[in-house]
């Protein structure tokens, strides 16, 4: 039986593609790899309008939703609501994410320290410009073959 070996890509809905591109490039050091279907006729026919973004070993698309996207309250920085994404960095790089968020005026919650017996050390929680909940953590365990975000 075939087994899935890894995640190839996923999508994150956003309301403003340019704002989201700038956010992920600036905060995470993401590389914009390509933009798809920026032709109005394509969008009217229902084709996905998105930007492909590469962060560490993960490719994801920031995508304009086809309908209305429910937004959490502005003051809520943590939750699920179907729009939650987790990223990890090395323990040494973790303070750098908080520094970048603070420098850019992005409110965040944490760091929250996780129980000693678990794989996560600490996490911070915030939202991207599209209202998606984001968690950035450092891990106590080692993950074979995984690449942490390099926020250099």
N, C-alpha and C. Protein backbone atom coordinates (compact mmCIF):
# COMPACT_ATOMS: atom_id res chain seq x y z
N UNK A 1 0.83 -1.17 0.00
CA UNK A 1 0.00 0.00 0.00
C UNK A 1 0.89 1.25 0.00
N UNK A 2 0.55 2.20 -0.83
CA UNK A 2 1.29 3.45 -0.90
C UNK A 2 1.01 4.29 0.34
N UNK A 3 2.03 4.97 0.82
CA UNK A 3 1.87 5.85 1.97
C UNK A 3 2.32 7.25 1.61
N UNK A 4 1.68 8.24 2.17
CA UNK A 4 2.09 9.62 1.97
C UNK A 4 3.43 9.82 2.66
N UNK A 5 4.37 10.46 1.98
CA UNK A 5 5.70 10.66 2.54
C UNK A 5 5.91 12.04 3.14
N UNK A 6 5.17 13.02 2.65
CA UNK A 6 5.34 14.37 3.15
C UNK A 6 4.22 15.23 2.61
N UNK A 7 4.14 16.45 3.11
CA UNK A 7 3.18 17.40 2.55
C UNK A 7 3.85 18.10 1.38
N UNK A 8 3.13 18.25 0.29
CA UNK A 8 3.67 18.92 -0.89
C UNK A 8 3.40 20.42 -0.82
N UNK A 9 2.15 20.77 -0.61
CA UNK A 9 1.78 22.18 -0.53
C UNK A 9 0.39 22.30 0.08
N UNK A 10 0.05 23.49 0.46
CA UNK A 10 -1.29 23.77 0.98
C UNK A 10 -1.62 25.21 0.66
N UNK A 11 -2.83 25.62 1.01
CA UNK A 11 -3.26 26.97 0.70
C UNK A 11 -3.71 27.72 1.94
N UNK A 12 -3.45 29.01 1.95
CA UNK A 12 -3.88 29.90 3.01
C UNK A 12 -4.70 31.00 2.36
N UNK A 13 -5.98 31.11 2.75
CA UNK A 13 -6.83 32.17 2.20
C UNK A 13 -6.45 33.51 2.80
N UNK A 14 -6.41 34.52 1.95
CA UNK A 14 -6.13 35.89 2.37
C UNK A 14 -7.05 36.83 1.61
N UNK A 15 -7.23 38.01 2.12
CA UNK A 15 -8.10 38.98 1.47
C UNK A 15 -7.32 39.87 0.51
N UNK A 16 -6.05 40.16 0.84
CA UNK A 16 -5.21 41.05 0.04
C UNK A 16 -3.91 40.32 -0.28
N UNK A 17 -3.73 39.91 -1.53
CA UNK A 17 -2.54 39.13 -1.91
C UNK A 17 -1.25 39.90 -1.69
N UNK A 18 -1.19 41.14 -2.08
CA UNK A 18 0.05 41.92 -1.96
C UNK A 18 0.44 42.09 -0.50
N UNK A 19 -0.53 42.41 0.34
CA UNK A 19 -0.25 42.57 1.76
C UNK A 19 0.25 41.25 2.36
N UNK A 20 -0.36 40.13 1.97
CA UNK A 20 0.06 38.82 2.47
C UNK A 20 1.45 38.45 1.95
N UNK A 21 1.72 38.73 0.68
CA UNK A 21 3.07 38.48 0.13
C UNK A 21 4.12 39.22 0.95
N UNK A 22 3.87 40.50 1.18
CA UNK A 22 4.82 41.32 1.94
C UNK A 22 5.00 40.78 3.36
N UNK A 23 3.90 40.38 4.00
CA UNK A 23 3.96 39.86 5.36
C UNK A 23 4.81 38.59 5.43
N UNK A 24 4.51 37.60 4.60
CA UNK A 24 5.24 36.34 4.67
C UNK A 24 6.70 36.49 4.24
N UNK A 25 6.97 37.37 3.29
CA UNK A 25 8.35 37.61 2.88
C UNK A 25 9.11 38.33 4.00
N UNK A 26 8.47 39.31 4.60
CA UNK A 26 9.13 40.14 5.60
C UNK A 26 9.30 39.43 6.94
N UNK A 27 8.26 38.78 7.43
CA UNK A 27 8.32 38.15 8.76
C UNK A 27 9.03 36.80 8.72
N UNK A 28 8.76 35.98 7.70
CA UNK A 28 9.32 34.62 7.64
C UNK A 28 10.46 34.46 6.64
N UNK A 29 10.74 35.48 5.85
CA UNK A 29 11.78 35.34 4.84
C UNK A 29 11.33 34.48 3.68
N UNK A 30 10.03 34.42 3.43
CA UNK A 30 9.48 33.59 2.35
C UNK A 30 9.91 34.12 0.98
N UNK A 31 10.02 33.21 0.05
CA UNK A 31 10.34 33.55 -1.34
C UNK A 31 9.06 33.42 -2.17
N UNK A 32 8.73 34.48 -2.89
CA UNK A 32 7.59 34.44 -3.80
C UNK A 32 8.07 33.70 -5.05
N UNK A 33 7.45 32.57 -5.36
CA UNK A 33 7.94 31.78 -6.50
C UNK A 33 7.18 32.05 -7.79
N UNK A 34 5.88 32.26 -7.71
CA UNK A 34 5.13 32.65 -8.91
C UNK A 34 3.72 33.10 -8.55
N UNK A 35 3.10 33.78 -9.49
CA UNK A 35 1.72 34.25 -9.33
C UNK A 35 0.89 33.61 -10.44
N UNK A 36 -0.32 33.18 -10.09
CA UNK A 36 -1.14 32.43 -11.04
C UNK A 36 -2.50 33.10 -11.22
N UNK A 37 -2.92 33.19 -12.48
CA UNK A 37 -4.26 33.63 -12.88
C UNK A 37 -4.61 35.04 -12.42
N UNK A 38 -3.70 35.96 -12.69
CA UNK A 38 -4.00 37.35 -12.39
C UNK A 38 -4.75 38.00 -13.55
N UNK A 39 -5.32 37.18 -14.40
CA UNK A 39 -6.15 37.63 -15.51
C UNK A 39 -7.59 37.67 -15.01
N UNK A 40 -8.23 38.82 -15.15
CA UNK A 40 -9.60 38.98 -14.65
C UNK A 40 -10.55 37.95 -15.23
N UNK A 41 -10.42 37.64 -16.52
CA UNK A 41 -11.31 36.65 -17.13
C UNK A 41 -11.14 35.28 -16.49
N UNK A 42 -9.90 34.90 -16.15
CA UNK A 42 -9.67 33.62 -15.47
C UNK A 42 -10.37 33.61 -14.12
N UNK A 43 -10.24 34.69 -13.37
CA UNK A 43 -10.86 34.77 -12.06
C UNK A 43 -12.39 34.70 -12.19
N UNK A 44 -12.95 35.37 -13.17
CA UNK A 44 -14.41 35.35 -13.37
C UNK A 44 -14.89 33.94 -13.69
N UNK A 45 -14.06 33.14 -14.35
CA UNK A 45 -14.44 31.76 -14.68
C UNK A 45 -14.25 30.81 -13.51
N UNK A 46 -13.80 31.33 -12.37
CA UNK A 46 -13.67 30.49 -11.19
C UNK A 46 -12.31 29.88 -10.98
N UNK A 47 -11.33 30.25 -11.78
CA UNK A 47 -9.98 29.72 -11.58
C UNK A 47 -9.33 30.38 -10.37
N UNK A 48 -8.51 29.65 -9.68
CA UNK A 48 -7.84 30.14 -8.48
C UNK A 48 -6.88 31.29 -8.82
N UNK A 49 -6.96 32.35 -8.04
CA UNK A 49 -6.01 33.46 -8.14
C UNK A 49 -5.14 33.34 -6.91
N UNK A 50 -3.84 33.07 -7.12
CA UNK A 50 -2.98 32.84 -5.97
C UNK A 50 -1.52 33.15 -6.26
N UNK A 51 -0.76 33.25 -5.20
CA UNK A 51 0.69 33.42 -5.26
C UNK A 51 1.31 32.23 -4.56
N UNK A 52 2.29 31.61 -5.21
CA UNK A 52 3.01 30.49 -4.57
C UNK A 52 4.17 31.06 -3.76
N UNK A 53 4.29 30.55 -2.54
CA UNK A 53 5.28 31.04 -1.59
C UNK A 53 6.09 29.86 -1.07
N UNK A 54 7.39 30.03 -0.98
CA UNK A 54 8.28 28.98 -0.51
C UNK A 54 8.91 29.43 0.80
N UNK A 55 8.70 28.65 1.87
CA UNK A 55 9.29 28.91 3.18
C UNK A 55 9.97 27.62 3.63
N UNK A 56 11.28 27.68 3.85
CA UNK A 56 12.06 26.51 4.25
C UNK A 56 11.76 25.36 3.28
N UNK A 57 11.20 24.24 3.77
CA UNK A 57 10.93 23.11 2.88
C UNK A 57 9.45 23.00 2.53
N UNK A 58 8.69 24.08 2.68
CA UNK A 58 7.24 24.04 2.47
C UNK A 58 6.84 25.03 1.39
N UNK A 59 6.02 24.56 0.48
CA UNK A 59 5.44 25.41 -0.56
C UNK A 59 3.97 25.59 -0.21
N UNK A 60 3.51 26.83 -0.18
CA UNK A 60 2.09 27.06 0.04
C UNK A 60 1.62 28.18 -0.87
N UNK A 61 0.33 28.21 -1.06
CA UNK A 61 -0.27 29.25 -1.89
C UNK A 61 -1.07 30.18 -0.99
N UNK A 62 -0.90 31.47 -1.21
CA UNK A 62 -1.80 32.42 -0.59
C UNK A 62 -2.86 32.72 -1.64
N UNK A 63 -4.10 32.48 -1.28
CA UNK A 63 -5.19 32.38 -2.25
C UNK A 63 -6.31 33.36 -1.91
N UNK A 64 -6.86 34.01 -2.93
CA UNK A 64 -8.05 34.82 -2.73
C UNK A 64 -9.24 33.89 -2.62
N UNK A 65 -10.05 34.01 -1.57
CA UNK A 65 -11.21 33.12 -1.44
C UNK A 65 -12.27 33.46 -2.49
N UNK A 66 -13.06 32.48 -2.86
CA UNK A 66 -14.11 32.70 -3.85
C UNK A 66 -15.32 33.39 -3.24
N UNK A 67 -15.49 33.27 -1.96
CA UNK A 67 -16.62 33.90 -1.28
C UNK A 67 -16.12 34.75 -0.14
N UNK A 68 -17.03 35.10 0.73
CA UNK A 68 -16.66 35.88 1.89
C UNK A 68 -15.89 35.03 2.87
N UNK A 69 -14.91 35.62 3.51
CA UNK A 69 -14.10 34.90 4.49
C UNK A 69 -14.43 35.44 5.88
N UNK A 70 -14.92 34.59 6.78
CA UNK A 70 -15.23 35.08 8.12
C UNK A 70 -13.96 35.51 8.84
N UNK A 71 -14.01 36.64 9.50
CA UNK A 71 -12.84 37.18 10.19
C UNK A 71 -13.05 37.11 11.70
N UNK A 72 -12.01 36.70 12.43
CA UNK A 72 -12.12 36.71 13.89
C UNK A 72 -12.06 38.16 14.39
N UNK A 73 -12.49 38.40 15.62
CA UNK A 73 -12.37 39.74 16.18
C UNK A 73 -10.91 40.20 16.16
N UNK A 74 -10.70 41.48 15.93
CA UNK A 74 -9.34 42.02 15.81
C UNK A 74 -8.46 41.70 17.01
N UNK A 75 -9.04 41.74 18.22
CA UNK A 75 -8.24 41.52 19.43
C UNK A 75 -7.93 40.04 19.67
N UNK A 76 -8.58 39.12 18.96
CA UNK A 76 -8.33 37.68 19.15
C UNK A 76 -7.10 37.28 18.35
N UNK A 77 -6.04 36.83 19.04
CA UNK A 77 -4.78 36.49 18.39
C UNK A 77 -4.53 34.99 18.33
N UNK A 78 -5.43 34.21 18.90
CA UNK A 78 -5.20 32.78 19.02
C UNK A 78 -6.51 32.04 18.86
N UNK A 79 -6.50 30.95 18.13
CA UNK A 79 -7.71 30.16 17.96
C UNK A 79 -7.58 29.22 16.78
N UNK A 80 -8.70 28.70 16.36
CA UNK A 80 -8.69 27.80 15.20
C UNK A 80 -9.58 28.38 14.11
N UNK A 81 -10.89 28.31 14.28
CA UNK A 81 -11.80 28.88 13.29
C UNK A 81 -11.55 28.35 11.89
N UNK A 82 -10.82 27.24 11.75
CA UNK A 82 -10.53 26.69 10.43
C UNK A 82 -9.39 27.38 9.72
N UNK A 83 -8.81 28.42 10.34
CA UNK A 83 -7.74 29.18 9.70
C UNK A 83 -6.55 29.28 10.65
N UNK A 84 -5.91 28.16 10.90
CA UNK A 84 -4.77 28.13 11.84
C UNK A 84 -3.62 27.39 11.20
N UNK A 85 -2.43 27.98 11.29
CA UNK A 85 -1.24 27.39 10.67
C UNK A 85 -0.09 27.49 11.67
N UNK A 86 0.67 26.42 11.78
CA UNK A 86 1.79 26.37 12.70
C UNK A 86 3.12 26.29 11.97
N UNK A 87 4.10 27.04 12.42
CA UNK A 87 5.45 27.05 11.87
C UNK A 87 6.41 26.80 13.02
N UNK A 88 7.57 26.24 12.73
CA UNK A 88 8.55 26.09 13.78
C UNK A 88 9.88 26.67 13.36
N UNK A 89 10.59 27.16 14.37
CA UNK A 89 11.93 27.72 14.19
C UNK A 89 12.83 27.06 15.23
N UNK A 90 14.12 27.20 15.06
CA UNK A 90 15.03 26.69 16.09
C UNK A 90 14.85 27.53 17.36
N UNK A 91 15.25 26.96 18.46
CA UNK A 91 15.15 27.68 19.74
C UNK A 91 15.94 28.99 19.67
N UNK A 92 17.10 28.96 19.01
CA UNK A 92 17.92 30.16 18.89
C UNK A 92 17.27 31.24 18.03
N UNK A 93 16.49 30.84 17.03
CA UNK A 93 15.84 31.80 16.13
C UNK A 93 14.53 32.35 16.67
N UNK A 94 13.97 31.67 17.67
CA UNK A 94 12.65 32.04 18.21
C UNK A 94 12.55 33.51 18.63
N UNK A 95 13.52 34.05 19.38
CA UNK A 95 13.42 35.47 19.77
C UNK A 95 13.40 36.41 18.55
N UNK A 96 14.03 36.01 17.46
CA UNK A 96 14.06 36.84 16.26
C UNK A 96 12.69 37.06 15.65
N UNK A 97 11.82 36.04 15.74
CA UNK A 97 10.45 36.19 15.24
C UNK A 97 9.72 37.23 16.07
N UNK A 98 9.87 37.15 17.39
CA UNK A 98 9.21 38.14 18.25
C UNK A 98 9.73 39.54 17.97
N UNK A 99 11.03 39.66 17.72
CA UNK A 99 11.62 40.97 17.39
C UNK A 99 11.04 41.51 16.08
N UNK A 100 10.91 40.65 15.07
CA UNK A 100 10.35 41.09 13.79
C UNK A 100 8.91 41.53 13.93
N UNK A 101 8.12 40.77 14.68
CA UNK A 101 6.72 41.14 14.88
C UNK A 101 6.60 42.46 15.63
N UNK A 102 7.41 42.63 16.68
CA UNK A 102 7.39 43.87 17.46
C UNK A 102 7.80 45.05 16.58
N UNK A 103 8.86 44.88 15.80
CA UNK A 103 9.33 45.97 14.93
C UNK A 103 8.29 46.37 13.89
N UNK A 104 7.43 45.44 13.49
CA UNK A 104 6.42 45.72 12.48
C UNK A 104 5.06 46.05 13.08
N UNK A 105 5.00 46.13 14.41
CA UNK A 105 3.75 46.49 15.07
C UNK A 105 2.69 45.41 15.01
N UNK A 106 3.11 44.14 14.86
CA UNK A 106 2.16 43.02 14.80
C UNK A 106 1.95 42.51 16.23
N UNK A 107 0.73 42.63 16.77
CA UNK A 107 0.50 42.13 18.13
C UNK A 107 0.59 40.61 18.18
N UNK A 108 1.16 40.11 19.27
CA UNK A 108 1.22 38.66 19.45
C UNK A 108 1.01 38.32 20.91
N UNK A 109 0.66 37.06 21.14
CA UNK A 109 0.44 36.54 22.49
C UNK A 109 1.55 35.55 22.79
N UNK A 110 2.14 35.66 23.96
CA UNK A 110 3.18 34.72 24.35
C UNK A 110 4.50 35.43 24.61
N UNK A 111 5.55 34.65 24.81
CA UNK A 111 5.61 33.22 24.56
C UNK A 111 4.90 32.40 25.64
N UNK A 112 4.22 31.36 25.18
CA UNK A 112 3.56 30.40 26.05
C UNK A 112 4.48 29.19 26.18
N UNK A 113 4.77 28.78 27.40
CA UNK A 113 5.62 27.61 27.63
C UNK A 113 4.74 26.37 27.72
N UNK A 114 5.11 25.34 26.96
CA UNK A 114 4.34 24.09 26.92
C UNK A 114 4.86 23.12 27.98
N UNK A 115 4.05 22.11 28.37
CA UNK A 115 4.48 21.14 29.37
C UNK A 115 5.78 20.44 28.98
N UNK A 116 6.63 20.20 29.97
CA UNK A 116 7.95 19.58 29.75
C UNK A 116 7.88 18.25 29.00
N UNK A 117 6.83 17.48 29.22
CA UNK A 117 6.73 16.15 28.62
C UNK A 117 6.40 16.20 27.13
N UNK A 118 5.98 17.33 26.62
CA UNK A 118 5.57 17.42 25.22
C UNK A 118 6.70 17.81 24.29
N UNK A 119 6.45 17.76 22.98
CA UNK A 119 7.48 18.06 22.00
C UNK A 119 7.77 19.55 21.82
N UNK A 120 6.79 20.41 22.17
CA UNK A 120 6.97 21.84 21.95
C UNK A 120 7.54 22.52 23.18
N UNK A 121 8.45 23.47 22.94
CA UNK A 121 9.03 24.24 24.05
C UNK A 121 8.18 25.46 24.35
N UNK A 122 8.14 26.39 23.41
CA UNK A 122 7.36 27.61 23.56
C UNK A 122 6.71 27.97 22.24
N UNK A 123 5.62 28.74 22.32
CA UNK A 123 4.92 29.21 21.13
C UNK A 123 4.54 30.67 21.30
N UNK A 124 4.42 31.35 20.17
CA UNK A 124 3.79 32.66 20.14
C UNK A 124 2.65 32.57 19.14
N UNK A 125 1.64 33.42 19.34
CA UNK A 125 0.42 33.38 18.53
C UNK A 125 0.11 34.78 18.01
N UNK A 126 -0.28 34.85 16.74
CA UNK A 126 -0.64 36.13 16.14
C UNK A 126 -1.46 35.85 14.89
N UNK A 127 -1.84 36.89 14.18
CA UNK A 127 -2.61 36.72 12.95
C UNK A 127 -1.84 37.32 11.78
N UNK A 128 -2.03 36.73 10.60
CA UNK A 128 -1.49 37.32 9.38
C UNK A 128 -2.48 38.38 8.89
N UNK A 129 -2.15 39.11 7.82
CA UNK A 129 -3.06 40.15 7.34
C UNK A 129 -4.42 39.63 6.88
N UNK A 130 -4.53 38.34 6.59
CA UNK A 130 -5.80 37.77 6.17
C UNK A 130 -6.66 37.30 7.32
N UNK A 131 -6.20 37.48 8.56
CA UNK A 131 -6.96 37.05 9.72
C UNK A 131 -6.71 35.60 10.11
N UNK A 132 -5.77 34.93 9.44
CA UNK A 132 -5.43 33.55 9.78
C UNK A 132 -4.63 33.51 11.07
N UNK A 133 -4.95 32.56 11.94
CA UNK A 133 -4.20 32.40 13.17
C UNK A 133 -2.88 31.70 12.86
N UNK A 134 -1.80 32.25 13.39
CA UNK A 134 -0.45 31.71 13.15
C UNK A 134 0.17 31.37 14.50
N UNK A 135 0.79 30.21 14.57
CA UNK A 135 1.58 29.84 15.73
C UNK A 135 3.00 29.61 15.24
N UNK A 136 3.97 30.17 15.96
CA UNK A 136 5.38 29.88 15.71
C UNK A 136 5.92 29.30 17.00
N UNK A 137 6.58 28.15 16.89
CA UNK A 137 7.09 27.47 18.08
C UNK A 137 8.52 27.00 17.87
N UNK A 138 9.18 26.67 18.95
CA UNK A 138 10.42 25.90 18.88
C UNK A 138 10.12 24.56 19.53
N UNK A 139 10.80 23.54 19.07
CA UNK A 139 10.50 22.16 19.49
C UNK A 139 11.64 21.60 20.35
N UNK A 140 11.24 20.83 21.35
CA UNK A 140 12.22 20.13 22.19
C UNK A 140 12.74 18.87 21.50
N UNK A 141 11.85 18.24 20.73
CA UNK A 141 12.24 16.99 20.06
C UNK A 141 12.94 17.32 18.74
N UNK A 142 13.60 16.36 18.18
CA UNK A 142 14.19 16.58 16.86
C UNK A 142 13.29 15.91 15.84
N UNK A 143 13.15 16.55 14.71
CA UNK A 143 12.29 16.03 13.65
C UNK A 143 13.19 15.63 12.49
N UNK A 144 13.30 14.36 12.24
CA UNK A 144 14.18 13.87 11.20
C UNK A 144 13.77 14.39 9.83
N UNK A 145 14.71 15.01 9.15
CA UNK A 145 14.47 15.46 7.78
C UNK A 145 13.72 16.77 7.64
N UNK A 146 13.23 17.33 8.74
CA UNK A 146 12.48 18.59 8.66
C UNK A 146 13.42 19.78 8.70
N UNK A 147 12.98 20.86 8.12
CA UNK A 147 13.78 22.08 8.08
C UNK A 147 13.03 23.19 8.81
N UNK A 148 13.66 23.76 9.81
CA UNK A 148 13.04 24.88 10.53
C UNK A 148 13.14 26.14 9.68
N UNK A 149 12.26 27.10 9.94
CA UNK A 149 12.33 28.38 9.25
C UNK A 149 13.65 29.03 9.57
N UNK A 150 14.31 29.57 8.57
CA UNK A 150 15.55 30.32 8.78
C UNK A 150 15.18 31.78 8.64
N UNK A 151 15.12 32.48 9.75
CA UNK A 151 14.67 33.86 9.70
C UNK A 151 15.82 34.85 9.63
N UNK A 152 17.07 34.33 9.48
CA UNK A 152 18.28 35.12 9.38
C UNK A 152 18.14 36.50 9.12
